[in-house]
């Protein structure tokens, strides 16, 4: 476990304290969770960009050709 000294505006600290208390967790847990969520989002973008580079229109059309051409269920229509 590492220690990080962080300077943030008082207003942000107050809001984090309030939200952490509402959630029943510590400020440390709140900030750790927020950092993990941000990291996950950024890593997901990188993953999707990498996967997109491996794609092709031919593979996409081949996958689409396997889908039956039927009317959607009533609840699934636009």
PDB file of N, CA and C in Angstrom:
ATOM      1  N   UNK A   1       0.864  -1.169   0.000  1.00  0.00           N
ATOM      2  CA  UNK A   1       0.000   0.000   0.000  1.00  0.00           C
ATOM      3  C   UNK A   1       0.906   1.225   0.000  1.00  0.00           C
ATOM      4  N   UNK A   2       0.534   2.209  -0.789  1.00  0.00           N
ATOM      5  CA  UNK A   2       1.307   3.443  -0.886  1.00  0.00           C
ATOM      6  C   UNK A   2       0.546   4.598  -0.258  1.00  0.00           C
ATOM      7  N   UNK A   3       1.287   5.610   0.151  1.00  0.00           N
ATOM      8  CA  UNK A   3       0.698   6.833   0.681  1.00  0.00           C
ATOM      9  C   UNK A   3       0.880   7.930  -0.350  1.00  0.00           C
ATOM     10  N   UNK A   4      -0.174   8.697  -0.554  1.00  0.00           N
ATOM     11  CA  UNK A   4      -0.145   9.782  -1.528  1.00  0.00           C
ATOM     12  C   UNK A   4      -0.640  11.046  -0.848  1.00  0.00           C
ATOM     13  N   UNK A   5       0.153  12.092  -0.905  1.00  0.00           N
ATOM     14  CA  UNK A   5      -0.271  13.379  -0.367  1.00  0.00           C
ATOM     15  C   UNK A   5      -0.905  14.152  -1.513  1.00  0.00           C
ATOM     16  N   UNK A   6      -2.118  14.598  -1.300  1.00  0.00           N
ATOM     17  CA  UNK A   6      -2.882  15.209  -2.378  1.00  0.00           C
ATOM     18  C   UNK A   6      -3.424  16.555  -1.937  1.00  0.00           C
ATOM     19  N   UNK A   7      -3.229  17.574  -2.756  1.00  0.00           N
ATOM     20  CA  UNK A   7      -3.768  18.895  -2.471  1.00  0.00           C
ATOM     21  C   UNK A   7      -4.988  19.106  -3.363  1.00  0.00           C
ATOM     22  N   UNK A   8      -6.126  19.351  -2.714  1.00  0.00           N
ATOM     23  CA  UNK A   8      -7.360  19.608  -3.456  1.00  0.00           C
ATOM     24  C   UNK A   8      -8.067  20.793  -2.813  1.00  0.00           C
ATOM     25  N   UNK A   9      -8.885  21.490  -3.587  1.00  0.00           N
ATOM     26  CA  UNK A   9      -9.620  22.633  -3.024  1.00  0.00           C
ATOM     27  C   UNK A   9     -10.524  22.184  -1.869  1.00  0.00           C
ATOM     28  N   UNK A  10     -10.701  23.065  -0.918  1.00  0.00           N
ATOM     29  CA  UNK A  10     -11.547  22.755   0.249  1.00  0.00           C
ATOM     30  C   UNK A  10     -12.961  22.345  -0.166  1.00  0.00           C
ATOM     31  N   UNK A  11     -13.494  23.004  -1.185  1.00  0.00           N
ATOM     32  CA  UNK A  11     -14.857  22.684  -1.617  1.00  0.00           C
ATOM     33  C   UNK A  11     -14.953  21.249  -2.136  1.00  0.00           C
ATOM     34  N   UNK A  12     -13.941  20.801  -2.846  1.00  0.00           N
ATOM     35  CA  UNK A  12     -13.912  19.427  -3.346  1.00  0.00           C
ATOM     36  C   UNK A  12     -13.764  18.442  -2.189  1.00  0.00           C
ATOM     37  N   UNK A  13     -12.898  18.765  -1.253  1.00  0.00           N
ATOM     38  CA  UNK A  13     -12.701  17.919  -0.074  1.00  0.00           C
ATOM     39  C   UNK A  13     -14.005  17.785   0.713  1.00  0.00           C
ATOM     40  N   UNK A  14     -14.706  18.888   0.901  1.00  0.00           N
ATOM     41  CA  UNK A  14     -15.974  18.864   1.631  1.00  0.00           C
ATOM     42  C   UNK A  14     -17.002  17.974   0.931  1.00  0.00           C
ATOM     43  N   UNK A  15     -17.068  18.079  -0.379  1.00  0.00           N
ATOM     44  CA  UNK A  15     -18.036  17.278  -1.146  1.00  0.00           C
ATOM     45  C   UNK A  15     -17.666  15.794  -1.089  1.00  0.00           C
ATOM     46  N   UNK A  16     -16.378  15.482  -1.210  1.00  0.00           N
ATOM     47  CA  UNK A  16     -15.935  14.089  -1.118  1.00  0.00           C
ATOM     48  C   UNK A  16     -16.261  13.525   0.257  1.00  0.00           C
ATOM     49  N   UNK A  17     -15.985  14.310   1.296  1.00  0.00           N
ATOM     50  CA  UNK A  17     -16.270  13.879   2.665  1.00  0.00           C
ATOM     51  C   UNK A  17     -17.759  13.567   2.819  1.00  0.00           C
ATOM     52  N   UNK A  18     -18.606  14.450   2.288  1.00  0.00           N
ATOM     53  CA  UNK A  18     -20.052  14.277   2.385  1.00  0.00           C
ATOM     54  C   UNK A  18     -20.507  13.016   1.646  1.00  0.00           C
ATOM     55  N   UNK A  19     -20.026  12.832   0.423  1.00  0.00           N
ATOM     56  CA  UNK A  19     -20.435  11.681  -0.378  1.00  0.00           C
ATOM     57  C   UNK A  19     -19.927  10.363   0.205  1.00  0.00           C
ATOM     58  N   UNK A  20     -18.704  10.383   0.723  1.00  0.00           N
ATOM     59  CA  UNK A  20     -18.148   9.176   1.336  1.00  0.00           C
ATOM     60  C   UNK A  20     -18.968   8.780   2.564  1.00  0.00           C
ATOM     61  N   UNK A  21     -19.345   9.770   3.355  1.00  0.00           N
ATOM     62  CA  UNK A  21     -20.151   9.503   4.544  1.00  0.00           C
ATOM     63  C   UNK A  21     -21.505   8.921   4.158  1.00  0.00           C
ATOM     64  N   UNK A  22     -22.136   9.491   3.114  1.00  0.00           N
ATOM     65  CA  UNK A  22     -23.424   8.987   2.635  1.00  0.00           C
ATOM     66  C   UNK A  22     -23.314   7.533   2.181  1.00  0.00           C
ATOM     67  N   UNK A  23     -22.166   7.205   1.604  1.00  0.00           N
ATOM     68  CA  UNK A  23     -21.941   5.853   1.077  1.00  0.00           C
ATOM     69  C   UNK A  23     -21.430   4.897   2.153  1.00  0.00           C
ATOM     70  N   UNK A  24     -21.114   5.443   3.328  1.00  0.00           N
ATOM     71  CA  UNK A  24     -20.643   4.609   4.424  1.00  0.00           C
ATOM     72  C   UNK A  24     -19.230   4.102   4.252  1.00  0.00           C
ATOM     73  N   UNK A  25     -18.403   4.895   3.558  1.00  0.00           N
ATOM     74  CA  UNK A  25     -17.007   4.500   3.339  1.00  0.00           C
ATOM     75  C   UNK A  25     -16.090   5.639   3.749  1.00  0.00           C
ATOM     76  N   UNK A  26     -14.805   5.336   3.842  1.00  0.00           N
ATOM     77  CA  UNK A  26     -13.831   6.368   4.190  1.00  0.00           C
ATOM     78  C   UNK A  26     -13.507   7.232   2.970  1.00  0.00           C
ATOM     79  N   UNK A  27     -12.922   8.384   3.242  1.00  0.00           N
ATOM     80  CA  UNK A  27     -12.479   9.258   2.146  1.00  0.00           C
ATOM     81  C   UNK A  27     -11.434   8.527   1.301  1.00  0.00           C
ATOM     82  N   UNK A  28     -10.545   7.789   1.948  1.00  0.00           N
ATOM     83  CA  UNK A  28      -9.535   7.024   1.211  1.00  0.00           C
ATOM     84  C   UNK A  28     -10.194   6.025   0.262  1.00  0.00           C
ATOM     85  N   UNK A  29     -11.191   5.310   0.747  1.00  0.00           N
ATOM     86  CA  UNK A  29     -11.893   4.348  -0.102  1.00  0.00           C
ATOM     87  C   UNK A  29     -12.596   5.055  -1.256  1.00  0.00           C
ATOM     88  N   UNK A  30     -13.197   6.196  -0.968  1.00  0.00           N
ATOM     89  CA  UNK A  30     -13.897   6.956  -2.000  1.00  0.00           C
ATOM     90  C   UNK A  30     -12.938   7.374  -3.113  1.00  0.00           C
ATOM     91  N   UNK A  31     -11.795   7.940  -2.728  1.00  0.00           N
ATOM     92  CA  UNK A  31     -10.825   8.417  -3.719  1.00  0.00           C
ATOM     93  C   UNK A  31     -10.192   7.253  -4.465  1.00  0.00           C
ATOM     94  N   UNK A  32      -9.906   6.153  -3.761  1.00  0.00           N
ATOM     95  CA  UNK A  32      -9.362   4.963  -4.426  1.00  0.00           C
ATOM     96  C   UNK A  32     -10.337   4.436  -5.468  1.00  0.00           C
ATOM     97  N   UNK A  33     -11.615   4.390  -5.101  1.00  0.00           N
ATOM     98  CA  UNK A  33     -12.642   3.912  -6.020  1.00  0.00           C
ATOM     99  C   UNK A  33     -12.772   4.845  -7.226  1.00  0.00           C
ATOM    100  N   UNK A  34     -12.736   6.149  -6.984  1.00  0.00           N
ATOM    101  CA  UNK A  34     -12.839   7.122  -8.081  1.00  0.00           C
ATOM    102  C   UNK A  34     -11.656   6.988  -9.033  1.00  0.00           C
ATOM    103  N   UNK A  35     -10.472   6.799  -8.487  1.00  0.00           N
ATOM    104  CA  UNK A  35      -9.279   6.634  -9.326  1.00  0.00           C
ATOM    105  C   UNK A  35      -9.372   5.343 -10.128  1.00  0.00           C
ATOM    106  N   UNK A  36      -9.851   4.267  -9.503  1.00  0.00           N
ATOM    107  CA  UNK A  36      -9.995   2.991 -10.198  1.00  0.00           C
ATOM    108  C   UNK A  36     -11.016   3.092 -11.327  1.00  0.00           C
ATOM    109  N   UNK A  37     -12.122   3.798 -11.094  1.00  0.00           N
ATOM    110  CA  UNK A  37     -13.131   3.982 -12.140  1.00  0.00           C
ATOM    111  C   UNK A  37     -12.553   4.749 -13.329  1.00  0.00           C
ATOM    112  N   UNK A  38     -11.814   5.799 -13.056  1.00  0.00           N
ATOM    113  CA  UNK A  38     -11.212   6.590 -14.131  1.00  0.00           C
ATOM    114  C   UNK A  38     -10.203   5.753 -14.906  1.00  0.00           C
ATOM    115  N   UNK A  39      -9.375   5.009 -14.175  1.00  0.00           N
ATOM    116  CA  UNK A  39      -8.370   4.158 -14.805  1.00  0.00           C
ATOM    117  C   UNK A  39      -9.053   3.106 -15.691  1.00  0.00           C
ATOM    118  N   UNK A  40     -10.121   2.516 -15.202  1.00  0.00           N
ATOM    119  CA  UNK A  40     -10.856   1.513 -15.959  1.00  0.00           C
ATOM    120  C   UNK A  40     -11.419   2.104 -17.248  1.00  0.00           C
ATOM    121  N   UNK A  41     -11.969   3.299 -17.155  1.00  0.00           N
ATOM    122  CA  UNK A  41     -12.523   3.956 -18.343  1.00  0.00           C
ATOM    123  C   UNK A  41     -11.445   4.204 -19.390  1.00  0.00           C
ATOM    124  N   UNK A  42     -10.297   4.695 -18.962  1.00  0.00           N
ATOM    125  CA  UNK A  42      -9.206   4.973 -19.894  1.00  0.00           C
ATOM    126  C   UNK A  42      -8.661   3.689 -20.508  1.00  0.00           C
ATOM    127  N   UNK A  43      -8.545   2.652 -19.684  1.00  0.00           N
ATOM    128  CA  UNK A  43      -8.043   1.382 -20.190  1.00  0.00           C
ATOM    129  C   UNK A  43      -9.042   0.745 -21.157  1.00  0.00           C
ATOM    130  N   UNK A  44     -10.320   0.959 -20.941  1.00  0.00           N
ATOM    131  CA  UNK A  44     -11.341   0.433 -21.846  1.00  0.00           C
ATOM    132  C   UNK A  44     -11.225   1.102 -23.202  1.00  0.00           C
ATOM    133  N   UNK A  45     -11.016   2.400 -23.216  1.00  0.00           N
ATOM    134  CA  UNK A  45     -10.840   3.118 -24.480  1.00  0.00           C
ATOM    135  C   UNK A  45      -9.635   2.558 -25.233  1.00  0.00           C
ATOM    136  N   UNK A  46      -8.520   2.368 -24.542  1.00  0.00           N
ATOM    137  CA  UNK A  46      -7.322   1.807 -25.174  1.00  0.00           C
ATOM    138  C   UNK A  46      -7.606   0.414 -25.733  1.00  0.00           C
ATOM    139  N   UNK A  47      -8.308  -0.412 -24.955  1.00  0.00           N
ATOM    140  CA  UNK A  47      -8.633  -1.769 -25.382  1.00  0.00           C
ATOM    141  C   UNK A  47      -9.495  -1.750 -26.644  1.00  0.00           C
ATOM    142  N   UNK A  48     -10.527  -0.899 -26.652  1.00  0.00           N
ATOM    143  CA  UNK A  48     -11.409  -0.830 -27.809  1.00  0.00           C
ATOM    144  C   UNK A  48     -10.700  -0.297 -29.044  1.00  0.00           C
ATOM    145  N   UNK A  49      -9.807   0.669 -28.858  1.00  0.00           N
ATOM    146  CA  UNK A  49      -9.039   1.184 -29.991  1.00  0.00           C
ATOM    147  C   UNK A  49      -8.134   0.101 -30.568  1.00  0.00           C
ATOM    148  N   UNK A  50      -7.532  -0.682 -29.697  1.00  0.00           N
ATOM    149  CA  UNK A  50      -6.661  -1.785 -30.144  1.00  0.00           C
ATOM    150  C   UNK A  50      -7.475  -2.817 -30.917  1.00  0.00           C
ATOM    151  N   UNK A  51      -8.646  -3.175 -30.375  1.00  0.00           N
ATOM    152  CA  UNK A  51      -9.505  -4.158 -31.048  1.00  0.00           C
ATOM    153  C   UNK A  51     -10.006  -3.626 -32.389  1.00  0.00           C
ATOM    154  N   UNK A  52     -10.309  -2.324 -32.450  1.00  0.00           N
ATOM    155  CA  UNK A  52     -10.813  -1.736 -33.689  1.00  0.00           C
ATOM    156  C   UNK A  52      -9.778  -1.828 -34.803  1.00  0.00           C
ATOM    157  N   UNK A  53      -8.516  -1.716 -34.452  1.00  0.00           N
ATOM    158  CA  UNK A  53      -7.447  -1.804 -35.454  1.00  0.00           C
ATOM    159  C   UNK A  53      -7.342  -3.203 -36.049  1.00  0.00           C
ATOM    160  N   UNK A  54      -7.852  -4.198 -35.343  1.00  0.00           N
ATOM    161  CA  UNK A  54      -7.790  -5.587 -35.821  1.00  0.00           C
ATOM    162  C   UNK A  54      -9.000  -5.953 -36.678  1.00  0.00           C
ATOM    163  N   UNK A  55      -9.932  -5.036 -36.820  1.00  0.00           N
ATOM    164  CA  UNK A  55     -11.181  -5.339 -37.511  1.00  0.00           C
ATOM    165  C   UNK A  55     -11.072  -5.073 -39.007  1.00  0.00           C
ATOM    166  N   UNK A  56     -12.091  -5.522 -39.716  1.00  0.00           N
ATOM    167  CA  UNK A  56     -12.191  -5.229 -41.141  1.00  0.00           C
ATOM    168  C   UNK A  56     -13.665  -5.235 -41.529  1.00  0.00           C
ATOM    169  N   UNK A  57     -13.985  -4.552 -42.598  1.00  0.00           N
ATOM    170  CA  UNK A  57     -15.363  -4.528 -43.075  1.00  0.00           C
ATOM    171  C   UNK A  57     -15.804  -5.918 -43.514  1.00  0.00           C
ATOM    172  N   UNK A  58     -14.882  -6.675 -44.077  1.00  0.00           N
ATOM    173  CA  UNK A  58     -15.219  -8.027 -44.537  1.00  0.00           C
ATOM    174  C   UNK A  58     -15.639  -8.907 -43.364  1.00  0.00           C
ATOM    175  N   UNK A  59     -14.888  -8.840 -42.255  1.00  0.00           N
ATOM    176  CA  UNK A  59     -15.246  -9.630 -41.069  1.00  0.00           C
ATOM    177  C   UNK A  59     -16.584  -9.177 -40.497  1.00  0.00           C
ATOM    178  N   UNK A  60     -16.821  -7.869 -40.523  1.00  0.00           N
ATOM    179  CA  UNK A  60     -18.075  -7.326 -40.014  1.00  0.00           C
ATOM    180  C   UNK A  60     -19.251  -7.818 -40.848  1.00  0.00           C
ATOM    181  N   UNK A  61     -19.103  -7.744 -42.163  1.00  0.00           N
ATOM    182  CA  UNK A  61     -20.183  -8.198 -43.056  1.00  0.00           C
ATOM    183  C   UNK A  61     -20.427  -9.701 -42.902  1.00  0.00           C
ATOM    184  N   UNK A  62     -19.349 -10.468 -42.714  1.00  0.00           N
ATOM    185  CA  UNK A  62     -19.490 -11.909 -42.518  1.00  0.00           C
ATOM    186  C   UNK A  62     -20.287 -12.198 -41.245  1.00  0.00           C
ATOM    187  N   UNK A  63     -19.990 -11.472 -40.180  1.00  0.00           N
ATOM    188  CA  UNK A  63     -20.724 -11.655 -38.921  1.00  0.00           C
ATOM    189  C   UNK A  63     -22.187 -11.261 -39.091  1.00  0.00           C
ATOM    190  N   UNK A  64     -22.442 -10.148 -39.781  1.00  0.00           N
ATOM    191  CA  UNK A  64     -23.819  -9.704 -40.001  1.00  0.00           C
ATOM    192  C   UNK A  64     -24.604 -10.694 -40.851  1.00  0.00           C
ATOM    193  N   UNK A  65     -23.939 -11.367 -41.777  1.00  0.00           N
ATOM    194  CA  UNK A  65     -24.628 -12.308 -42.664  1.00  0.00           C
ATOM    195  C   UNK A  65     -25.184 -13.503 -41.901  1.00  0.00           C
ATOM    196  N   UNK A  66     -24.699 -13.749 -40.698  1.00  0.00           N
ATOM    197  CA  UNK A  66     -25.164 -14.872 -39.880  1.00  0.00           C
ATOM    198  C   UNK A  66     -26.447 -14.555 -39.117  1.00  0.00           C
ATOM    199  N   UNK A  67     -26.852 -13.286 -39.131  1.00  0.00           N
ATOM    200  CA  UNK A  67     -28.044 -12.864 -38.402  1.00  0.00           C
ATOM    201  C   UNK A  67     -29.259 -13.033 -39.293  1.00  0.00           C
ATOM    202  N   UNK A  68     -30.268 -13.717 -38.772  1.00  0.00           N
ATOM    203  CA  UNK A  68     -31.489 -13.926 -39.542  1.00  0.00           C
ATOM    204  C   UNK A  68     -32.198 -12.593 -39.767  1.00  0.00           C
ATOM    205  N   UNK A  69     -32.783 -12.450 -40.946  1.00  0.00           N
ATOM    206  CA  UNK A  69     -33.509 -11.233 -41.304  1.00  0.00           C
ATOM    207  C   UNK A  69     -34.974 -11.413 -40.915  1.00  0.00           C
ATOM    208  N   UNK A  70     -35.280 -11.112 -39.657  1.00  0.00           N
ATOM    209  CA  UNK A  70     -36.645 -11.265 -39.153  1.00  0.00           C
ATOM    210  C   UNK A  70     -37.071  -9.967 -38.474  1.00  0.00           C
ATOM    211  N   UNK A  71     -38.358  -9.794 -38.340  1.00  0.00           N
ATOM    212  CA  UNK A  71     -38.901  -8.624 -37.668  1.00  0.00           C
ATOM    213  C   UNK A  71     -38.599  -8.721 -36.161  1.00  0.00           C
ATOM    214  N   UNK A  72     -38.248  -7.605 -35.540  1.00  0.00           N
ATOM    215  CA  UNK A  72     -37.986  -7.636 -34.104  1.00  0.00           C
ATOM    216  C   UNK A  72     -39.280  -7.818 -33.315  1.00  0.00           C
ATOM    217  N   UNK A  73     -39.139  -8.280 -32.091  1.00  0.00           N
ATOM    218  CA  UNK A  73     -40.284  -8.393 -31.196  1.00  0.00           C
ATOM    219  C   UNK A  73     -40.900  -7.005 -31.001  1.00  0.00           C
ATOM    220  N   UNK A  74     -42.155  -6.959 -30.660  1.00  0.00           N
ATOM    221  CA  UNK A  74     -42.881  -5.684 -30.496  1.00  0.00           C
ATOM    222  C   UNK A  74     -42.171  -4.753 -29.525  1.00  0.00           C
ATOM    223  N   UNK A  75     -41.685  -5.302 -28.395  1.00  0.00           N
ATOM    224  CA  UNK A  75     -41.032  -4.481 -27.371  1.00  0.00           C
ATOM    225  C   UNK A  75     -39.657  -3.962 -27.799  1.00  0.00           C
ATOM    226  N   UNK A  76     -39.132  -4.496 -28.906  1.00  0.00           N
ATOM    227  CA  UNK A  76     -37.777  -4.142 -29.328  1.00  0.00           C
ATOM    228  C   UNK A  76     -37.776  -3.248 -30.586  1.00  0.00           C
ATOM    229  N   UNK A  77     -38.946  -2.787 -30.976  1.00  0.00           N
ATOM    230  CA  UNK A  77     -39.032  -1.952 -32.171  1.00  0.00           C
ATOM    231  C   UNK A  77     -38.834  -0.484 -31.844  1.00  0.00           C
ATOM    232  N   UNK A  78     -38.325   0.234 -32.834  1.00  0.00           N
ATOM    233  CA  UNK A  78     -38.136   1.676 -32.669  1.00  0.00           C
ATOM    234  C   UNK A  78     -39.417   2.416 -32.949  1.00  0.00           C
TER     235      UNK A  78
END
